[in-house]
Amino acid sequence: MSLMNIVRIAKIVALLAFVLPWVAVSCQNVDVATASGIELMQGKMTANPDFEKQMGQQMGGLGGLGRNSGNGGGIDTSASTSDLGMNFFAIAAAIVILAGLGLTFVSKGKTAGRNALVTSLLGLALVFGTVWWWKESASRDMREQQGGGRAEASSPLGDAGGNPFGGPGSMDAMGAQMLGNMLQERFGYWLALIALGVGAGAAGLVMAGGVPAAKPEGAPPAA
């Protein structure tokens, strides 16, 4: 298999990764809501409809969360949310990866390798930026919720009264750390990063002229 075909396969895998889960809001190792790369483009998350059941099983079937608030401990598990807005990092990442894939078919040699390397590295940065932006937006949404801001009604973590971090003004250092632990990456994100890393490596070898051929045993040294 040629190095350029490896680059192409890597970019296709990175594009397919957009349909897989990239991020999740998780509580006690149970996902409250998840988002694929495509959903992140739209600023949406899809709630886990079995959250209360899974949380009850996680807590040993005691059902404490359900008795506390009747909706999973104050965490809103209604349908998808869209209050974070469009994620332009995700949109740009998909465009750059797709453009890089197209360039592998219209350019040759070291030029093709250079184009593939640049688009792979740029795609890597944008994929990383996609999840970074999501975490920043989700954290800001939570802080506004704690202060009674606009996010209170639509946050996937529920209203301020039933939020696991308490009411307004309770977002201390421990609460912030807990929130950070709840915002997690998922398989699709890592797959996209790995695929683009492989693509960048293969593209770099194309620019360098390919993998050096092994010398036959006993061959005389080059002059």
N, C-alpha and C. Protein backbone atom coordinates (compact mmCIF):
# COMPACT_ATOMS: atom_id res chain seq x y z
N MET A 1 0.85 -1.20 0.00
CA MET A 1 0.00 0.00 0.00
C MET A 1 0.89 1.25 0.00
N SER A 2 0.56 2.20 -0.88
CA SER A 2 1.37 3.41 -0.97
C SER A 2 1.09 4.33 0.22
N LEU A 3 2.07 5.20 0.49
CA LEU A 3 1.93 6.16 1.59
C LEU A 3 0.74 7.09 1.36
N MET A 4 0.52 7.48 0.11
CA MET A 4 -0.59 8.39 -0.16
C MET A 4 -1.93 7.72 0.08
N ASN A 5 -2.01 6.42 -0.18
CA ASN A 5 -3.25 5.71 0.14
C ASN A 5 -3.48 5.66 1.65
N ILE A 6 -2.39 5.54 2.41
CA ILE A 6 -2.52 5.57 3.86
C ILE A 6 -3.06 6.93 4.31
N VAL A 7 -2.56 7.99 3.69
CA VAL A 7 -3.05 9.34 4.00
C VAL A 7 -4.54 9.44 3.71
N ARG A 8 -4.95 8.93 2.56
CA ARG A 8 -6.36 9.00 2.17
C ARG A 8 -7.24 8.22 3.15
N ILE A 9 -6.81 7.01 3.50
CA ILE A 9 -7.59 6.20 4.43
C ILE A 9 -7.69 6.90 5.78
N ALA A 10 -6.59 7.48 6.22
CA ALA A 10 -6.59 8.17 7.52
C ALA A 10 -7.58 9.33 7.51
N LYS A 11 -7.64 10.08 6.43
CA LYS A 11 -8.57 11.21 6.37
C LYS A 11 -10.02 10.74 6.29
N ILE A 12 -10.26 9.63 5.59
CA ILE A 12 -11.61 9.08 5.54
C ILE A 12 -12.05 8.62 6.93
N VAL A 13 -11.14 7.95 7.65
CA VAL A 13 -11.45 7.52 9.01
C VAL A 13 -11.76 8.72 9.90
N ALA A 14 -10.97 9.80 9.74
CA ALA A 14 -11.20 11.00 10.54
C ALA A 14 -12.57 11.59 10.25
N LEU A 15 -12.99 11.56 8.99
CA LEU A 15 -14.32 12.07 8.64
C LEU A 15 -15.42 11.18 9.22
N LEU A 16 -15.23 9.86 9.13
CA LEU A 16 -16.23 8.93 9.66
C LEU A 16 -16.35 9.07 11.18
N ALA A 17 -15.26 9.50 11.83
CA ALA A 17 -15.29 9.66 13.29
C ALA A 17 -16.29 10.71 13.73
N PHE A 18 -16.69 11.61 12.82
CA PHE A 18 -17.64 12.66 13.18
C PHE A 18 -19.02 12.10 13.53
N VAL A 19 -19.33 10.89 13.10
CA VAL A 19 -20.64 10.31 13.42
C VAL A 19 -20.61 9.57 14.76
N LEU A 20 -19.43 9.42 15.35
CA LEU A 20 -19.29 8.72 16.63
C LEU A 20 -19.32 9.73 17.78
N PRO A 21 -19.58 9.25 18.99
CA PRO A 21 -19.56 10.17 20.14
C PRO A 21 -18.18 10.79 20.35
N TRP A 22 -18.16 12.12 20.53
CA TRP A 22 -16.92 12.84 20.78
C TRP A 22 -16.80 13.26 22.24
N VAL A 23 -17.92 13.66 22.83
CA VAL A 23 -17.88 14.18 24.19
C VAL A 23 -19.11 13.68 24.96
N ALA A 24 -19.02 13.81 26.27
CA ALA A 24 -20.15 13.41 27.11
C ALA A 24 -20.11 14.20 28.41
N VAL A 25 -21.30 14.45 28.95
CA VAL A 25 -21.44 14.93 30.32
C VAL A 25 -21.77 13.69 31.14
N SER A 26 -20.87 13.35 32.05
CA SER A 26 -20.99 12.10 32.79
C SER A 26 -21.05 12.36 34.28
N CYS A 27 -21.90 11.61 34.96
CA CYS A 27 -22.04 11.72 36.42
C CYS A 27 -21.93 10.33 37.02
N GLN A 28 -20.96 10.13 37.87
CA GLN A 28 -20.74 8.82 38.49
C GLN A 28 -20.59 7.72 37.44
N ASN A 29 -19.82 8.03 36.37
CA ASN A 29 -19.55 7.09 35.29
C ASN A 29 -20.80 6.72 34.48
N VAL A 30 -21.84 7.52 34.60
CA VAL A 30 -23.04 7.33 33.78
C VAL A 30 -23.22 8.58 32.94
N ASP A 31 -23.36 8.39 31.63
CA ASP A 31 -23.51 9.53 30.72
C ASP A 31 -24.87 10.18 30.87
N VAL A 32 -24.86 11.47 31.15
CA VAL A 32 -26.09 12.25 31.17
C VAL A 32 -26.51 12.61 29.75
N ALA A 33 -25.52 13.03 28.95
CA ALA A 33 -25.77 13.40 27.56
C ALA A 33 -24.48 13.23 26.79
N THR A 34 -24.60 12.94 25.49
CA THR A 34 -23.45 12.78 24.62
C THR A 34 -23.64 13.60 23.36
N ALA A 35 -22.53 13.80 22.64
CA ALA A 35 -22.59 14.52 21.37
C ALA A 35 -21.56 13.94 20.41
N SER A 36 -21.99 13.68 19.20
CA SER A 36 -21.06 13.27 18.15
C SER A 36 -20.39 14.51 17.56
N GLY A 37 -19.45 14.29 16.67
CA GLY A 37 -18.82 15.42 16.00
C GLY A 37 -19.82 16.25 15.22
N ILE A 38 -20.78 15.57 14.59
CA ILE A 38 -21.80 16.28 13.82
C ILE A 38 -22.70 17.10 14.74
N GLU A 39 -23.05 16.54 15.90
CA GLU A 39 -23.88 17.28 16.85
C GLU A 39 -23.13 18.48 17.41
N LEU A 40 -21.82 18.34 17.61
CA LEU A 40 -21.05 19.47 18.11
C LEU A 40 -21.06 20.63 17.11
N MET A 41 -21.09 20.31 15.83
CA MET A 41 -21.19 21.38 14.83
C MET A 41 -22.42 22.24 15.07
N GLN A 42 -23.50 21.60 15.50
CA GLN A 42 -24.76 22.29 15.73
C GLN A 42 -24.92 22.81 17.15
N GLY A 43 -23.95 22.49 18.01
CA GLY A 43 -24.04 22.90 19.41
C GLY A 43 -25.07 22.11 20.18
N LYS A 44 -25.31 20.86 19.80
CA LYS A 44 -26.33 20.05 20.43
C LYS A 44 -25.73 18.89 21.21
N MET A 45 -26.49 18.44 22.19
CA MET A 45 -26.18 17.21 22.90
C MET A 45 -27.46 16.38 23.00
N THR A 46 -27.30 15.07 22.94
CA THR A 46 -28.44 14.16 23.05
C THR A 46 -28.46 13.52 24.43
N ALA A 47 -29.56 13.71 25.14
CA ALA A 47 -29.67 13.17 26.49
C ALA A 47 -29.75 11.66 26.46
N ASN A 48 -29.24 11.04 27.50
CA ASN A 48 -29.32 9.59 27.68
C ASN A 48 -30.69 9.26 28.28
N PRO A 49 -31.58 8.62 27.52
CA PRO A 49 -32.93 8.35 28.05
C PRO A 49 -32.95 7.36 29.20
N ASP A 50 -31.86 6.58 29.36
CA ASP A 50 -31.80 5.58 30.42
C ASP A 50 -30.95 6.04 31.58
N PHE A 51 -30.72 7.37 31.67
CA PHE A 51 -29.83 7.87 32.71
C PHE A 51 -30.30 7.49 34.11
N GLU A 52 -31.58 7.74 34.41
CA GLU A 52 -32.08 7.46 35.77
C GLU A 52 -31.95 5.98 36.11
N LYS A 53 -32.28 5.12 35.16
CA LYS A 53 -32.19 3.68 35.40
C LYS A 53 -30.75 3.26 35.64
N GLN A 54 -29.84 3.77 34.79
CA GLN A 54 -28.43 3.41 34.93
C GLN A 54 -27.84 3.98 36.21
N MET A 55 -28.25 5.20 36.57
CA MET A 55 -27.76 5.79 37.80
C MET A 55 -28.26 5.00 39.01
N GLY A 56 -29.51 4.55 38.97
CA GLY A 56 -30.05 3.74 40.05
C GLY A 56 -29.26 2.45 40.21
N GLN A 57 -28.89 1.83 39.07
CA GLN A 57 -28.09 0.62 39.13
C GLN A 57 -26.70 0.92 39.67
N GLN A 58 -26.14 2.06 39.27
CA GLN A 58 -24.81 2.46 39.72
C GLN A 58 -24.79 2.67 41.23
N MET A 59 -25.89 3.21 41.76
CA MET A 59 -25.97 3.48 43.19
C MET A 59 -26.49 2.29 43.99
N GLY A 60 -26.48 1.12 43.38
CA GLY A 60 -26.88 -0.10 44.08
C GLY A 60 -28.38 -0.27 44.15
N GLY A 61 -29.11 0.39 43.23
CA GLY A 61 -30.55 0.24 43.20
C GLY A 61 -31.27 0.92 44.33
N LEU A 62 -30.62 1.86 45.01
CA LEU A 62 -31.27 2.53 46.14
C LEU A 62 -32.29 3.56 45.68
N GLY A 63 -32.11 4.07 44.45
CA GLY A 63 -33.08 5.03 43.92
C GLY A 63 -33.04 6.37 44.62
N GLY A 64 -31.93 6.71 45.27
CA GLY A 64 -31.86 7.97 46.01
C GLY A 64 -32.00 9.18 45.15
N LEU A 65 -31.43 9.13 43.96
CA LEU A 65 -31.49 10.31 43.10
C LEU A 65 -32.92 10.57 42.65
N GLY A 66 -33.62 9.48 42.33
CA GLY A 66 -34.99 9.69 41.87
C GLY A 66 -35.87 10.26 42.96
N ARG A 67 -35.64 9.85 44.23
CA ARG A 67 -36.46 10.38 45.31
C ARG A 67 -36.13 11.83 45.62
N ASN A 68 -34.88 12.22 45.33
CA ASN A 68 -34.49 13.59 45.65
C ASN A 68 -35.21 14.62 44.81
N SER A 69 -35.38 14.29 43.52
CA SER A 69 -35.97 15.33 42.68
C SER A 69 -36.90 14.81 41.61
N GLY A 70 -36.93 13.51 41.41
CA GLY A 70 -37.84 12.96 40.43
C GLY A 70 -37.33 13.06 39.01
N ASN A 71 -36.16 13.62 38.78
CA ASN A 71 -35.64 13.69 37.41
C ASN A 71 -34.15 13.43 37.41
N GLY A 72 -33.72 12.39 38.12
CA GLY A 72 -32.31 12.03 38.10
C GLY A 72 -31.48 12.97 38.93
N GLY A 73 -31.93 13.39 40.08
CA GLY A 73 -31.13 14.22 40.94
C GLY A 73 -31.00 15.63 40.44
N GLY A 74 -31.98 16.12 39.69
CA GLY A 74 -31.94 17.49 39.23
C GLY A 74 -31.23 17.66 37.91
N ILE A 75 -30.74 16.54 37.32
CA ILE A 75 -30.07 16.63 36.04
C ILE A 75 -31.10 16.40 34.94
N ASP A 76 -31.19 17.37 34.06
CA ASP A 76 -32.21 17.33 33.02
C ASP A 76 -31.84 16.32 31.96
N THR A 77 -32.63 15.27 31.81
CA THR A 77 -32.38 14.26 30.79
C THR A 77 -33.41 14.33 29.68
N SER A 78 -34.00 15.49 29.46
CA SER A 78 -34.91 15.66 28.34
C SER A 78 -34.12 15.62 27.05
N ALA A 79 -34.81 15.73 25.93
CA ALA A 79 -34.19 15.54 24.63
C ALA A 79 -32.94 16.39 24.45
N SER A 80 -32.45 16.53 23.25
CA SER A 80 -31.17 17.19 23.02
C SER A 80 -31.23 18.67 23.36
N THR A 81 -30.06 19.22 23.68
CA THR A 81 -29.96 20.64 23.99
C THR A 81 -29.20 21.35 22.88
N SER A 82 -29.46 22.63 22.72
CA SER A 82 -28.80 23.37 21.63
C SER A 82 -28.41 24.76 22.06
N ASP A 83 -28.23 24.98 23.36
CA ASP A 83 -27.96 26.32 23.85
C ASP A 83 -26.52 26.75 23.73
N LEU A 84 -25.60 25.84 23.35
CA LEU A 84 -24.20 26.20 23.27
C LEU A 84 -23.85 26.90 21.96
N GLY A 85 -24.70 26.83 20.97
CA GLY A 85 -24.44 27.48 19.69
C GLY A 85 -23.57 26.64 18.79
N MET A 86 -23.46 27.06 17.54
CA MET A 86 -22.69 26.32 16.54
C MET A 86 -21.22 26.30 16.94
N ASN A 87 -20.58 25.15 16.75
CA ASN A 87 -19.16 24.99 17.04
C ASN A 87 -18.40 25.15 15.73
N PHE A 88 -17.83 26.33 15.51
CA PHE A 88 -17.16 26.62 14.25
C PHE A 88 -15.84 25.87 14.13
N PHE A 89 -15.25 25.47 15.25
CA PHE A 89 -14.05 24.64 15.17
C PHE A 89 -14.39 23.31 14.50
N ALA A 90 -15.51 22.70 14.89
CA ALA A 90 -15.91 21.42 14.31
C ALA A 90 -16.22 21.55 12.83
N ILE A 91 -16.91 22.63 12.47
CA ILE A 91 -17.24 22.84 11.06
C ILE A 91 -15.97 23.02 10.25
N ALA A 92 -15.04 23.84 10.75
CA ALA A 92 -13.78 24.07 10.04
C ALA A 92 -12.96 22.79 9.94
N ALA A 93 -12.98 21.98 11.01
CA ALA A 93 -12.22 20.73 10.99
C ALA A 93 -12.72 19.80 9.88
N ALA A 94 -14.03 19.64 9.76
CA ALA A 94 -14.59 18.78 8.73
C ALA A 94 -14.24 19.30 7.34
N ILE A 95 -14.32 20.61 7.14
CA ILE A 95 -14.00 21.20 5.84
C ILE A 95 -12.54 20.99 5.48
N VAL A 96 -11.65 21.22 6.45
CA VAL A 96 -10.22 21.07 6.19
C VAL A 96 -9.86 19.62 5.88
N ILE A 97 -10.44 18.67 6.64
CA ILE A 97 -10.15 17.26 6.39
C ILE A 97 -10.66 16.84 5.03
N LEU A 98 -11.88 17.28 4.68
CA LEU A 98 -12.44 16.94 3.37
C LEU A 98 -11.63 17.56 2.24
N ALA A 99 -11.21 18.81 2.42
CA ALA A 99 -10.39 19.47 1.41
C ALA A 99 -9.05 18.76 1.26
N GLY A 100 -8.46 18.37 2.40
CA GLY A 100 -7.19 17.66 2.34
C GLY A 100 -7.32 16.34 1.60
N LEU A 101 -8.44 15.64 1.81
CA LEU A 101 -8.68 14.38 1.09
C LEU A 101 -8.76 14.64 -0.41
N GLY A 102 -9.48 15.69 -0.80
CA GLY A 102 -9.60 16.01 -2.22
C GLY A 102 -8.26 16.36 -2.85
N LEU A 103 -7.41 17.07 -2.11
CA LEU A 103 -6.11 17.47 -2.65
C LEU A 103 -5.19 16.29 -2.91
N THR A 104 -5.41 15.18 -2.20
CA THR A 104 -4.56 14.01 -2.43
C THR A 104 -4.80 13.40 -3.81
N PHE A 105 -5.92 13.73 -4.43
CA PHE A 105 -6.24 13.18 -5.74
C PHE A 105 -5.85 14.12 -6.89
N VAL A 106 -5.56 15.37 -6.58
CA VAL A 106 -5.29 16.34 -7.66
C VAL A 106 -3.84 16.79 -7.67
N SER A 107 -3.05 16.38 -6.70
CA SER A 107 -1.63 16.75 -6.68
C SER A 107 -0.78 15.49 -6.61
N LYS A 108 0.48 15.61 -6.94
CA LYS A 108 1.37 14.46 -7.01
C LYS A 108 2.65 14.72 -6.24
N GLY A 109 3.33 13.63 -5.92
CA GLY A 109 4.66 13.70 -5.34
C GLY A 109 4.73 14.48 -4.04
N LYS A 110 5.84 15.25 -3.91
CA LYS A 110 6.07 15.99 -2.68
C LYS A 110 5.03 17.09 -2.46
N THR A 111 4.48 17.62 -3.54
CA THR A 111 3.41 18.62 -3.38
C THR A 111 2.20 18.00 -2.70
N ALA A 112 1.85 16.79 -3.12
CA ALA A 112 0.73 16.09 -2.48
C ALA A 112 1.04 15.82 -1.01
N GLY A 113 2.28 15.45 -0.71
CA GLY A 113 2.67 15.20 0.66
C GLY A 113 2.60 16.46 1.51
N ARG A 114 3.04 17.58 0.93
CA ARG A 114 2.98 18.85 1.67
C ARG A 114 1.55 19.25 1.95
N ASN A 115 0.68 19.15 0.93
CA ASN A 115 -0.73 19.50 1.13
C ASN A 115 -1.38 18.61 2.19
N ALA A 116 -1.07 17.32 2.13
CA ALA A 116 -1.66 16.38 3.08
C ALA A 116 -1.15 16.66 4.49
N LEU A 117 0.14 17.00 4.61
CA LEU A 117 0.70 17.28 5.93
C LEU A 117 0.08 18.53 6.54
N VAL A 118 -0.04 19.59 5.74
CA VAL A 118 -0.60 20.84 6.25
C VAL A 118 -2.05 20.66 6.68
N THR A 119 -2.85 19.99 5.84
CA THR A 119 -4.27 19.81 6.18
C THR A 119 -4.46 18.85 7.35
N SER A 120 -3.55 17.87 7.49
CA SER A 120 -3.65 16.95 8.62
C SER A 120 -3.33 17.67 9.93
N LEU A 121 -2.26 18.46 9.93
CA LEU A 121 -1.89 19.19 11.15
C LEU A 121 -2.94 20.24 11.50
N LEU A 122 -3.46 20.93 10.48
CA LEU A 122 -4.51 21.92 10.74
C LEU A 122 -5.77 21.23 11.25
N GLY A 123 -6.10 20.08 10.67
CA GLY A 123 -7.24 19.32 11.14
C GLY A 123 -7.08 18.88 12.58
N LEU A 124 -5.86 18.45 12.94
CA LEU A 124 -5.57 18.08 14.33
C LEU A 124 -5.86 19.23 15.28
N ALA A 125 -5.36 20.41 14.91
CA ALA A 125 -5.55 21.58 15.76
C ALA A 125 -7.03 21.92 15.90
N LEU A 126 -7.78 21.82 14.80
CA LEU A 126 -9.19 22.17 14.83
C LEU A 126 -10.03 21.14 15.59
N VAL A 127 -9.68 19.87 15.49
CA VAL A 127 -10.38 18.83 16.26
C VAL A 127 -10.15 19.06 17.75
N PHE A 128 -8.90 19.35 18.12
CA PHE A 128 -8.61 19.68 19.52
C PHE A 128 -9.40 20.91 19.95
N GLY A 129 -9.43 21.92 19.08
CA GLY A 129 -10.17 23.14 19.39
C GLY A 129 -11.66 22.92 19.53
N THR A 130 -12.20 21.94 18.81
CA THR A 130 -13.62 21.63 18.89
C THR A 130 -14.01 21.24 20.32
N VAL A 131 -13.26 20.32 20.90
CA VAL A 131 -13.58 19.85 22.25
C VAL A 131 -13.21 20.90 23.29
N TRP A 132 -12.12 21.62 23.05
CA TRP A 132 -11.76 22.72 23.97
C TRP A 132 -12.88 23.75 24.04
N TRP A 133 -13.41 24.14 22.88
CA TRP A 133 -14.47 25.14 22.83
C TRP A 133 -15.72 24.61 23.53
N TRP A 134 -16.02 23.33 23.32
CA TRP A 134 -17.20 22.75 23.96
C TRP A 134 -17.06 22.79 25.48
N LYS A 135 -15.90 22.42 25.98
CA LYS A 135 -15.68 22.44 27.43
C LYS A 135 -15.80 23.85 27.99
N GLU A 136 -15.22 24.82 27.29
CA GLU A 136 -15.30 26.20 27.75
C GLU A 136 -16.75 26.68 27.76
N SER A 137 -17.49 26.36 26.71
CA SER A 137 -18.88 26.79 26.61
C SER A 137 -19.75 26.12 27.66
N ALA A 138 -19.53 24.81 27.87
CA ALA A 138 -20.31 24.09 28.88
C ALA A 138 -20.01 24.62 30.28
N SER A 139 -18.74 24.93 30.55
CA SER A 139 -18.37 25.47 31.86
C SER A 139 -18.99 26.85 32.06
N ARG A 140 -18.95 27.67 31.03
CA ARG A 140 -19.56 29.00 31.13
C ARG A 140 -21.06 28.89 31.33
N ASP A 141 -21.67 27.93 30.65
CA ASP A 141 -23.11 27.71 30.79
C ASP A 141 -23.45 27.35 32.23
N MET A 142 -22.62 26.51 32.84
CA MET A 142 -22.85 26.12 34.23
C MET A 142 -22.68 27.30 35.17
N ARG A 143 -21.65 28.12 34.93
CA ARG A 143 -21.42 29.27 35.80
C ARG A 143 -22.58 30.25 35.72
N GLU A 144 -23.11 30.46 34.51
CA GLU A 144 -24.25 31.34 34.35
C GLU A 144 -25.47 30.76 35.03
N GLN A 145 -25.60 29.43 34.96
CA GLN A 145 -26.72 28.76 35.61
C GLN A 145 -26.66 28.97 37.12
N GLN A 146 -25.47 28.86 37.68
CA GLN A 146 -25.32 29.04 39.12
C GLN A 146 -25.65 30.47 39.54
N GLY A 147 -25.44 31.41 38.61
CA GLY A 147 -25.75 32.81 38.92
C GLY A 147 -27.14 33.22 38.50
N GLY A 148 -27.95 32.25 38.06
CA GLY A 148 -29.31 32.56 37.65
C GLY A 148 -29.40 33.17 36.27
N GLY A 149 -28.38 32.89 35.42
CA GLY A 149 -28.36 33.48 34.09
C GLY A 149 -29.25 32.75 33.12
N ARG A 150 -29.02 33.02 31.87
CA ARG A 150 -29.90 32.51 30.81
C ARG A 150 -29.83 30.99 30.67
N ALA A 151 -28.72 30.38 31.10
CA ALA A 151 -28.55 28.95 30.85
C ALA A 151 -29.38 28.08 31.76
N GLU A 152 -30.01 28.67 32.77
CA GLU A 152 -30.68 27.86 33.78
C GLU A 152 -31.75 26.96 33.20
N ALA A 153 -32.52 27.48 32.27
CA ALA A 153 -33.66 26.72 31.77
C ALA A 153 -33.27 25.64 30.80
N SER A 154 -32.12 25.81 30.09
CA SER A 154 -31.82 24.89 29.01
C SER A 154 -30.59 24.04 29.24
N SER A 155 -29.89 24.21 30.33
CA SER A 155 -28.68 23.44 30.56
C SER A 155 -29.00 21.96 30.71
N PRO A 156 -28.16 21.07 30.12
CA PRO A 156 -28.39 19.64 30.28
C PRO A 156 -28.16 19.16 31.70
N LEU A 157 -27.64 20.01 32.58
CA LEU A 157 -27.39 19.62 33.95
C LEU A 157 -28.52 19.99 34.89
N GLY A 158 -29.61 20.52 34.36
CA GLY A 158 -30.76 20.84 35.18
C GLY A 158 -30.74 22.24 35.72
N ASP A 159 -31.78 22.62 36.47
CA ASP A 159 -31.87 23.98 36.98
C ASP A 159 -31.01 24.14 38.22
N ALA A 160 -30.86 25.41 38.63
CA ALA A 160 -29.95 25.71 39.74
C ALA A 160 -30.41 25.06 41.04
N GLY A 161 -31.73 24.94 41.24
CA GLY A 161 -32.24 24.40 42.48
C GLY A 161 -31.91 22.94 42.68
N GLY A 162 -31.88 22.16 41.57
CA GLY A 162 -31.61 20.74 41.72
C GLY A 162 -30.24 20.34 41.24
N ASN A 163 -29.40 21.31 40.89
CA ASN A 163 -28.09 21.01 40.35
C ASN A 163 -27.22 20.34 41.41
N PRO A 164 -26.40 19.34 41.02
CA PRO A 164 -25.57 18.64 42.01
C PRO A 164 -24.54 19.52 42.68
N PHE A 165 -24.27 20.73 42.15
CA PHE A 165 -23.32 21.63 42.76
C PHE A 165 -23.99 22.62 43.72
N GLY A 166 -25.29 22.55 43.86
CA GLY A 166 -25.98 23.44 44.78
C GLY A 166 -26.53 24.66 44.08
N GLY A 167 -26.97 25.66 44.87
CA GLY A 167 -27.61 26.85 44.34
C GLY A 167 -26.64 27.90 43.90
N PRO A 168 -27.15 29.12 43.61
CA PRO A 168 -26.32 30.20 43.14
C PRO A 168 -25.18 30.49 44.09
N GLY A 169 -24.02 30.73 43.51
CA GLY A 169 -22.86 31.11 44.28
C GLY A 169 -22.11 29.96 44.90
N SER A 170 -22.55 28.72 44.63
CA SER A 170 -21.90 27.58 45.28
C SER A 170 -20.81 26.96 44.43
N MET A 171 -20.54 27.54 43.26
CA MET A 171 -19.51 26.98 42.38
C MET A 171 -18.13 27.36 42.91
N ASP A 172 -17.66 26.64 43.92
CA ASP A 172 -16.35 26.89 44.48
C ASP A 172 -15.33 26.05 43.71
N ALA A 173 -14.10 26.01 44.24
CA ALA A 173 -13.04 25.29 43.54
C ALA A 173 -13.36 23.80 43.40
N MET A 174 -13.95 23.22 44.44
CA MET A 174 -14.30 21.81 44.37
C MET A 174 -15.38 21.57 43.33
N GLY A 175 -16.39 22.46 43.30
CA GLY A 175 -17.45 22.32 42.31
C GLY A 175 -16.92 22.46 40.90
N ALA A 176 -15.98 23.38 40.69
CA ALA A 176 -15.40 23.57 39.37
C ALA A 176 -14.62 22.32 38.95
N GLN A 177 -13.91 21.71 39.90
CA GLN A 177 -13.18 20.49 39.58
C GLN A 177 -14.13 19.36 39.25
N MET A 178 -15.22 19.25 40.00
CA MET A 178 -16.22 18.23 39.71
C MET A 178 -16.82 18.41 38.33
N LEU A 179 -17.10 19.67 37.98
CA LEU A 179 -17.64 19.95 36.66
C LEU A 179 -16.66 19.54 35.58
N GLY A 180 -15.37 19.86 35.79
CA GLY A 180 -14.37 19.47 34.82
C GLY A 180 -14.31 17.97 34.64
N ASN A 181 -14.49 17.23 35.72
CA ASN A 181 -14.49 15.77 35.63
C ASN A 181 -15.71 15.24 34.90
N MET A 182 -16.80 15.99 34.93
CA MET A 182 -18.02 15.56 34.26
C MET A 182 -17.94 15.74 32.74
N LEU A 183 -17.10 16.67 32.28
CA LEU A 183 -16.98 16.95 30.85
C LEU A 183 -15.87 16.07 30.29
N GLN A 184 -16.25 15.06 29.55
CA GLN A 184 -15.30 14.02 29.14
C GLN A 184 -15.27 13.84 27.63
N GLU A 185 -14.10 13.39 27.15
CA GLU A 185 -13.96 13.04 25.74
C GLU A 185 -14.40 11.60 25.52
N ARG A 186 -14.79 11.32 24.28
CA ARG A 186 -15.22 9.98 23.93
C ARG A 186 -14.46 9.46 22.70
N PHE A 187 -14.74 8.22 22.32
CA PHE A 187 -13.96 7.47 21.34
C PHE A 187 -13.82 8.20 20.00
N GLY A 188 -14.89 8.79 19.51
CA GLY A 188 -14.82 9.42 18.20
C GLY A 188 -13.78 10.52 18.13
N TYR A 189 -13.65 11.29 19.23
CA TYR A 189 -12.66 12.37 19.29
C TYR A 189 -11.25 11.80 19.20
N TRP A 190 -10.97 10.77 20.00
CA TRP A 190 -9.63 10.18 19.98
C TRP A 190 -9.34 9.52 18.64
N LEU A 191 -10.34 8.89 18.03
CA LEU A 191 -10.15 8.26 16.73
C LEU A 191 -9.77 9.30 15.68
N ALA A 192 -10.45 10.46 15.70
CA ALA A 192 -10.14 11.52 14.75
C ALA A 192 -8.70 12.01 14.94
N LEU A 193 -8.30 12.21 16.20
CA LEU A 193 -6.93 12.67 16.46
C LEU A 193 -5.90 11.65 15.99
N ILE A 194 -6.13 10.38 16.30
CA ILE A 194 -5.18 9.33 15.90
C ILE A 194 -5.09 9.23 14.39
N ALA A 195 -6.24 9.24 13.72
CA ALA A 195 -6.25 9.12 12.26
C ALA A 195 -5.50 10.29 11.61
N LEU A 196 -5.73 11.49 12.10
CA LEU A 196 -5.04 12.64 11.54
C LEU A 196 -3.55 12.60 11.86
N GLY A 197 -3.19 12.07 13.02
CA GLY A 197 -1.78 11.91 13.35
C GLY A 197 -1.09 10.92 12.41
N VAL A 198 -1.77 9.80 12.13
CA VAL A 198 -1.23 8.83 11.18
C VAL A 198 -1.11 9.45 9.79
N GLY A 199 -2.15 10.22 9.40
CA GLY A 199 -2.10 10.87 8.10
C GLY A 199 -0.96 11.86 8.00
N ALA A 200 -0.72 12.61 9.06
CA ALA A 200 0.38 13.58 9.07
C ALA A 200 1.72 12.87 8.96
N GLY A 201 1.87 11.74 9.68
CA GLY A 201 3.12 10.99 9.61
C GLY A 201 3.37 10.44 8.22
N ALA A 202 2.35 9.86 7.61
CA ALA A 202 2.51 9.32 6.26
C ALA A 202 2.79 10.43 5.26
N ALA A 203 2.13 11.58 5.42
CA ALA A 203 2.37 12.71 4.53
C ALA A 203 3.80 13.22 4.66
N GLY A 204 4.31 13.23 5.89
CA GLY A 204 5.69 13.64 6.10
C GLY A 204 6.68 12.73 5.38
N LEU A 205 6.39 11.43 5.38
CA LEU A 205 7.25 10.48 4.67
C LEU A 205 7.17 10.70 3.16
N VAL A 206 5.98 11.05 2.67
CA VAL A 206 5.84 11.35 1.24
C VAL A 206 6.71 12.55 0.88
N MET A 207 6.68 13.59 1.73
CA MET A 207 7.51 14.77 1.47
C MET A 207 9.00 14.42 1.50
N ALA A 208 9.37 13.45 2.35
CA ALA A 208 10.77 13.07 2.47
C ALA A 208 11.21 12.11 1.37
N GLY A 209 10.29 11.76 0.49
CA GLY A 209 10.64 10.88 -0.62
C GLY A 209 10.31 9.43 -0.39
N GLY A 210 9.53 9.16 0.63
CA GLY A 210 9.11 7.78 0.89
C GLY A 210 9.99 7.10 1.91
N VAL A 211 9.63 5.85 2.22
CA VAL A 211 10.39 5.06 3.18
C VAL A 211 11.65 4.54 2.50
N PRO A 212 12.84 4.79 3.07
CA PRO A 212 14.07 4.31 2.46
C PRO A 212 14.07 2.79 2.31
N ALA A 213 14.47 2.33 1.13
CA ALA A 213 14.52 0.88 0.91
C ALA A 213 15.67 0.27 1.67
N ALA A 214 15.46 -0.94 2.18
CA ALA A 214 16.51 -1.64 2.92
C ALA A 214 17.57 -2.13 1.95
N LYS A 215 18.84 -1.98 2.34
CA LYS A 215 19.93 -2.46 1.48
C LYS A 215 20.03 -3.97 1.55
N PRO A 216 20.27 -4.62 0.41
CA PRO A 216 20.46 -6.09 0.42
C PRO A 216 21.67 -6.43 1.28
N GLU A 217 21.59 -7.58 1.95
CA GLU A 217 22.69 -8.00 2.81
C GLU A 217 23.94 -8.25 1.97
N GLY A 218 25.05 -7.70 2.40
CA GLY A 218 26.30 -7.86 1.70
C GLY A 218 26.52 -6.87 0.58
N ALA A 219 25.59 -5.93 0.39
CA ALA A 219 25.75 -4.94 -0.69
C ALA A 219 26.89 -4.00 -0.31
N PRO A 220 27.67 -3.56 -1.30
CA PRO A 220 28.78 -2.64 -1.01
C PRO A 220 28.24 -1.28 -0.62
N PRO A 221 28.93 -0.55 0.28
CA PRO A 221 28.48 0.78 0.68
C PRO A 221 28.49 1.75 -0.49
N ALA A 222 27.60 2.72 -0.41
CA ALA A 222 27.52 3.72 -1.49
C ALA A 222 28.79 4.56 -1.49
N ALA A 223 29.21 4.94 -2.69
CA ALA A 223 30.42 5.74 -2.84
C ALA A 223 30.20 7.14 -2.32
